[in-house]
Amino acid sequence: MAKQIALTKSNAVNRTFSFKAPGAANVMLVGDFTQWQKNPINLRKEPDGIWRVTIALEPGEHHYRFLVDGEWRDDPECVLQAANPFGSQNSIAVVPASRHA
């Protein structure tokens, strides 16, 4: 089992998420990889007003959204969207499988 866990971790790919909200007090990334609001990831505000975070994601499709000062927001930079059960859209991050030689 430990080998499988190590293998899974080695397949993870760093992905940066960003959201422009210069006036926001708090921006969080939530998605299927955070169990949505159960384990949100806080973004850090940079001097340019863009909030960013880099996380490791496993290969595959990951649905996500941003919570900006407690309000659900779409990722305006993401072209892949899917309807969710709440009448809005989730953004989709596609992480390709890494290829080792």
Protein backbone atom coordinates (compact mmCIF):
# COMPACT_ATOMS: atom_id res chain seq x y z
CA MET A 1 0.00 0.00 0.00
CA ALA A 2 2.84 2.43 0.76
CA LYS A 3 4.17 1.99 -2.77
CA GLN A 4 0.82 2.99 -4.22
CA ILE A 5 0.66 6.12 -2.06
CA ALA A 6 4.21 7.10 -3.03
CA LEU A 7 3.39 6.49 -6.69
CA THR A 8 0.26 8.62 -6.44
CA LYS A 9 2.21 11.48 -4.86
CA SER A 10 4.87 11.29 -7.59
CA ASN A 11 2.12 11.72 -10.21
CA ALA A 12 0.91 14.98 -8.68
CA VAL A 13 1.49 18.10 -10.76
CA ASN A 14 1.80 21.63 -9.39
CA ARG A 15 -0.99 23.89 -10.58
CA THR A 16 -1.33 27.61 -9.86
CA PHE A 17 -4.78 29.10 -9.38
CA SER A 18 -5.31 32.85 -9.45
CA PHE A 19 -8.21 35.27 -9.07
CA LYS A 20 -8.17 39.04 -9.59
CA ALA A 21 -9.97 40.72 -6.70
CA PRO A 22 -8.00 43.76 -5.49
CA GLY A 23 -10.74 44.81 -3.06
CA ALA A 24 -11.38 41.40 -1.53
CA ALA A 25 -10.50 40.57 2.06
CA ASN A 26 -10.42 36.79 1.54
CA VAL A 27 -10.26 34.43 -1.44
CA MET A 28 -10.46 30.64 -1.08
CA LEU A 29 -10.16 27.82 -3.58
CA VAL A 30 -12.71 25.05 -3.11
CA GLY A 31 -13.30 21.98 -5.23
CA ASP A 32 -13.67 18.25 -5.36
CA PHE A 33 -10.02 18.02 -4.24
CA THR A 34 -10.79 19.99 -1.02
CA GLN A 35 -14.11 18.28 -0.34
CA TRP A 36 -15.48 21.68 -1.31
CA GLN A 37 -16.02 23.88 1.74
CA LYS A 38 -14.77 21.24 4.19
CA ASN A 39 -11.06 21.95 3.48
CA PRO A 40 -10.82 25.26 1.58
CA ILE A 41 -7.42 26.53 0.46
CA ASN A 42 -6.62 30.18 1.16
CA LEU A 43 -5.06 32.19 -1.65
CA ARG A 44 -2.47 34.89 -0.92
CA LYS A 45 -3.00 38.42 -2.11
CA GLU A 46 -0.13 39.86 -4.11
CA PRO A 47 0.63 43.58 -4.60
CA ASP A 48 -1.00 43.52 -8.06
CA GLY A 49 -4.39 42.63 -6.50
CA ILE A 50 -4.27 39.07 -7.82
CA TRP A 51 -4.73 36.27 -5.33
CA ARG A 52 -2.66 33.12 -6.02
CA VAL A 53 -1.94 29.66 -4.69
CA THR A 54 0.01 26.72 -6.09
CA ILE A 55 -1.07 23.23 -5.09
CA ALA A 56 -0.26 19.68 -6.18
CA LEU A 57 -3.10 17.92 -8.00
CA GLU A 58 -3.35 14.34 -9.18
CA PRO A 59 -3.86 13.71 -12.91
CA GLY A 60 -7.46 13.94 -14.05
CA GLU A 61 -10.34 16.43 -14.10
CA HIS A 62 -10.92 18.56 -11.02
CA HIS A 63 -14.03 20.70 -10.52
CA TYR A 64 -13.53 23.89 -8.53
CA ARG A 65 -14.76 27.40 -7.74
CA PHE A 66 -13.58 30.37 -5.75
CA LEU A 67 -15.14 31.80 -2.59
CA VAL A 68 -14.50 35.55 -2.58
CA ASP A 69 -15.49 37.17 0.70
CA GLY A 70 -17.96 34.28 1.17
CA GLU A 71 -19.52 34.52 -2.31
CA TRP A 72 -19.20 31.82 -4.98
CA ARG A 73 -17.30 32.98 -8.05
CA ASP A 74 -16.38 31.41 -11.37
CA ASP A 75 -12.80 31.39 -12.62
CA PRO A 76 -12.90 33.91 -15.50
CA GLU A 77 -9.64 32.48 -16.88
CA CYS A 78 -10.97 28.91 -17.17
CA VAL A 79 -12.57 27.91 -20.48
CA LEU A 80 -13.79 24.49 -19.32
CA GLN A 81 -17.04 24.66 -17.37
CA ALA A 82 -19.64 22.13 -16.24
CA ALA A 83 -23.11 22.65 -14.78
CA ASN A 84 -23.39 21.88 -11.09
CA PRO A 85 -26.48 20.83 -9.10
CA PHE A 86 -26.88 24.37 -7.71
CA GLY A 87 -27.78 26.01 -11.02
CA SER A 88 -24.37 27.51 -11.68
CA GLN A 89 -21.11 26.35 -13.25
CA ASN A 90 -17.97 24.71 -11.90
CA SER A 91 -14.63 25.40 -13.52
CA ILE A 92 -12.63 22.35 -14.57
CA ALA A 93 -8.87 22.01 -14.22
CA VAL A 94 -7.43 19.20 -16.34
CA VAL A 95 -4.16 17.79 -15.05
CA PRO A 96 -2.41 15.57 -17.59
CA ALA A 97 -0.67 12.42 -16.44
CA SER A 98 3.05 13.06 -16.16
CA ARG A 99 5.24 11.06 -18.49
CA HIS A 100 8.38 9.55 -17.06
CA ALA A 101 11.05 8.31 -19.44
